[in-house]
């Protein structure tokens, strides 16, 4: 049975601040072919967890621009991976309430109300934890320390990272 280990929130946030307005050359920039937000979110999660899951279809990994899991760059796939029911290697998350978010967690936004299509990383969260009290970093409309309240979204899905399975 896999036991969750600590997720390094500080490392995830440091990474988010470091690369919010730039691109880490170790990862392809998908901005021009659909957006880079979930790729950036995955990089931040990886910085905080340190392991990838190399399962061919249901994993969460990045090897190069063409060899990556759908969960690395796809909003819905990332949510499905993080909230998977069966233990496997990689970060583990759960849908939560806004007030439960802490730095290193993520939010997924539905800008049109039909599907979720944006995955910013939380870099700061202060009581009372409303949208104006949560700051995020993101790619695809690059931002750092951006108030969540500044987005025009229809639906929001906060995701708390519980820890990391390493084996």
Protein backbone atom coordinates (compact mmCIF):
# COMPACT_ATOMS: atom_id res chain seq x y z
CA UNK A 1 0.00 0.00 0.00
CA UNK A 2 1.30 3.44 -0.92
CA UNK A 3 1.68 6.02 1.82
CA UNK A 4 1.51 9.70 1.01
CA UNK A 5 4.67 11.63 1.64
CA UNK A 6 5.09 15.37 2.04
CA UNK A 7 4.55 17.66 -0.90
CA UNK A 8 7.06 20.52 -0.89
CA UNK A 9 4.71 23.49 -1.27
CA UNK A 10 7.56 25.97 -0.95
CA UNK A 11 9.42 24.37 -3.88
CA UNK A 12 6.25 24.41 -6.03
CA UNK A 13 5.65 28.09 -5.25
CA UNK A 14 9.30 29.00 -5.83
CA UNK A 15 9.11 27.31 -9.24
CA UNK A 16 5.86 29.13 -10.06
CA UNK A 17 7.42 32.51 -9.23
CA UNK A 18 10.64 31.65 -11.12
CA UNK A 19 8.92 30.64 -14.36
CA UNK A 20 5.61 32.57 -14.36
CA UNK A 21 6.89 35.06 -16.94
CA UNK A 22 9.37 32.76 -18.64
CA UNK A 23 9.74 29.25 -19.97
CA UNK A 24 11.95 26.55 -18.52
CA UNK A 25 13.94 25.28 -21.53
CA UNK A 26 13.64 21.71 -20.19
CA UNK A 27 9.93 21.75 -21.18
CA UNK A 28 8.22 22.52 -24.49
CA UNK A 29 6.09 25.68 -24.61
CA UNK A 30 2.59 24.73 -25.81
CA UNK A 31 1.36 28.34 -25.87
CA UNK A 32 0.97 28.51 -29.66
CA UNK A 33 -0.85 25.17 -29.94
CA UNK A 34 -3.63 25.41 -27.40
CA UNK A 35 -2.09 26.88 -24.27
CA UNK A 36 0.61 26.20 -21.72
CA UNK A 37 -1.27 26.56 -18.42
CA UNK A 38 -1.55 22.90 -17.44
CA UNK A 39 1.99 22.17 -18.61
CA UNK A 40 3.13 24.97 -16.26
CA UNK A 41 0.91 23.66 -13.43
CA UNK A 42 2.39 20.17 -13.91
CA UNK A 43 5.91 21.59 -13.78
CA UNK A 44 5.08 23.31 -10.49
CA UNK A 45 3.56 20.12 -9.07
CA UNK A 46 6.64 18.19 -10.18
CA UNK A 47 8.89 20.74 -8.48
CA UNK A 48 6.96 20.10 -5.26
CA UNK A 49 6.78 16.33 -5.61
CA UNK A 50 9.82 15.19 -7.53
CA UNK A 51 8.32 12.09 -9.16
CA UNK A 52 6.49 11.35 -12.38
CA UNK A 53 4.16 8.45 -13.15
CA UNK A 54 5.18 6.72 -16.38
CA UNK A 55 2.04 4.65 -16.93
CA UNK A 56 1.39 4.90 -20.70
CA UNK A 57 -2.23 6.08 -20.73
CA UNK A 58 -3.14 7.02 -17.20
CA UNK A 59 0.18 8.36 -15.95
CA UNK A 60 1.52 11.85 -15.42
CA UNK A 61 4.89 12.44 -17.05
CA UNK A 62 6.88 14.53 -19.49
CA UNK A 63 9.77 13.19 -21.58
CA UNK A 64 9.65 15.65 -24.48
CA UNK A 65 7.13 17.65 -26.50
CA UNK A 66 5.70 14.55 -28.15
CA UNK A 67 6.20 12.02 -25.36
CA UNK A 68 4.05 13.09 -22.43
CA UNK A 69 0.97 11.85 -20.65
CA UNK A 70 -2.36 13.53 -21.44
CA UNK A 71 -2.51 14.49 -17.74
CA UNK A 72 0.66 16.59 -18.07
CA UNK A 73 -0.98 19.15 -20.38
CA UNK A 74 -4.74 18.51 -20.31
CA UNK A 75 -6.90 20.27 -17.70
CA UNK A 76 -9.45 17.47 -17.24
CA UNK A 77 -6.81 14.74 -17.49
CA UNK A 78 -4.74 16.42 -14.77
CA UNK A 79 -7.77 16.63 -12.48
CA UNK A 80 -8.56 12.96 -13.13
CA UNK A 81 -4.96 11.97 -12.41
CA UNK A 82 -4.71 13.97 -9.18
CA UNK A 83 -8.02 12.63 -7.85
CA UNK A 84 -7.53 9.03 -9.05
CA UNK A 85 -9.13 6.40 -6.81
CA UNK A 86 -6.31 3.85 -6.98
CA UNK A 87 -2.92 4.65 -5.42
CA UNK A 88 -0.09 5.17 -7.89
CA UNK A 89 3.10 7.19 -8.07
CA UNK A 90 2.79 10.99 -8.22
CA UNK A 91 0.99 13.87 -6.56
CA UNK A 92 -2.43 13.21 -5.08
CA UNK A 93 -5.18 15.80 -4.77
CA UNK A 94 -8.79 16.21 -3.80
CA UNK A 95 -11.42 18.72 -4.83
CA UNK A 96 -11.88 21.15 -1.95
CA UNK A 97 -13.36 24.47 -0.90
CA UNK A 98 -11.61 27.80 -1.54
CA UNK A 99 -10.90 28.27 2.16
CA UNK A 100 -8.91 25.01 2.17
CA UNK A 101 -6.42 26.17 -0.48
CA UNK A 102 -2.80 26.77 0.46
CA UNK A 103 0.25 27.77 -1.58
CA UNK A 104 1.18 24.97 -3.96
CA UNK A 105 -2.42 23.87 -4.57
CA UNK A 106 -4.21 24.63 -7.83
CA UNK A 107 -7.52 25.87 -9.09
CA UNK A 108 -9.18 24.98 -12.35
CA UNK A 109 -11.40 27.51 -14.03
CA UNK A 110 -14.20 27.23 -16.54
CA UNK A 111 -14.18 30.51 -18.41
CA UNK A 112 -17.23 29.71 -20.53
CA UNK A 113 -19.16 27.42 -18.22
CA UNK A 114 -18.98 24.32 -20.41
CA UNK A 115 -15.65 22.75 -19.44
CA UNK A 116 -12.62 23.58 -17.34
CA UNK A 117 -9.79 25.04 -19.38
CA UNK A 118 -7.37 26.87 -17.11
CA UNK A 119 -5.13 25.60 -14.26
CA UNK A 120 -3.43 28.34 -12.21
CA UNK A 121 -1.21 27.45 -9.22
CA UNK A 122 -1.89 29.06 -5.85
CA UNK A 123 1.11 31.09 -4.67
CA UNK A 124 -0.53 32.83 -1.72
CA UNK A 125 -3.73 32.35 0.29
CA UNK A 126 -4.77 34.56 3.21
CA UNK A 127 -7.85 34.40 5.46
CA UNK A 128 -10.76 34.64 4.84
CA UNK A 129 -9.74 32.78 1.64
CA UNK A 130 -12.15 34.36 -0.81
CA UNK A 131 -11.18 34.83 -4.49
CA UNK A 132 -9.66 38.23 -3.64
CA UNK A 133 -7.45 36.61 -0.95
CA UNK A 134 -5.95 33.93 -3.21
CA UNK A 135 -3.07 34.82 -5.53
CA UNK A 136 -2.07 32.59 -8.42
CA UNK A 137 0.64 32.11 -11.03
CA UNK A 138 -0.16 30.84 -14.52
CA UNK A 139 0.87 30.53 -18.14
CA UNK A 140 -1.43 31.30 -21.06
CA UNK A 141 -1.94 34.88 -20.05
CA UNK A 142 1.23 34.74 -17.96
CA UNK A 143 0.70 35.94 -14.42
CA UNK A 144 2.28 35.91 -10.99
CA UNK A 145 0.64 37.04 -7.77
CA UNK A 146 -2.58 37.58 -9.72
CA UNK A 147 -5.74 37.74 -7.58
CA UNK A 148 -8.08 34.87 -8.39
CA UNK A 149 -10.89 37.44 -8.29
CA UNK A 150 -9.43 39.13 -11.39
CA UNK A 151 -10.41 36.18 -13.60
CA UNK A 152 -13.84 36.14 -15.22
CA UNK A 153 -14.86 32.54 -14.68
CA UNK A 154 -18.18 30.73 -14.56
CA UNK A 155 -17.07 27.67 -12.58
CA UNK A 156 -14.16 27.05 -10.24
CA UNK A 157 -12.68 23.77 -9.06
CA UNK A 158 -10.14 24.14 -6.21
CA UNK A 159 -7.76 21.18 -5.83
CA UNK A 160 -5.80 20.59 -2.62
CA UNK A 161 -2.62 18.57 -2.98
CA UNK A 162 -2.61 16.02 -0.16
CA UNK A 163 0.86 14.61 -0.74
CA UNK A 164 2.94 12.49 -3.09
CA UNK A 165 3.08 8.73 -3.63
CA UNK A 166 6.70 7.83 -4.28
CA UNK A 167 6.36 4.07 -4.78
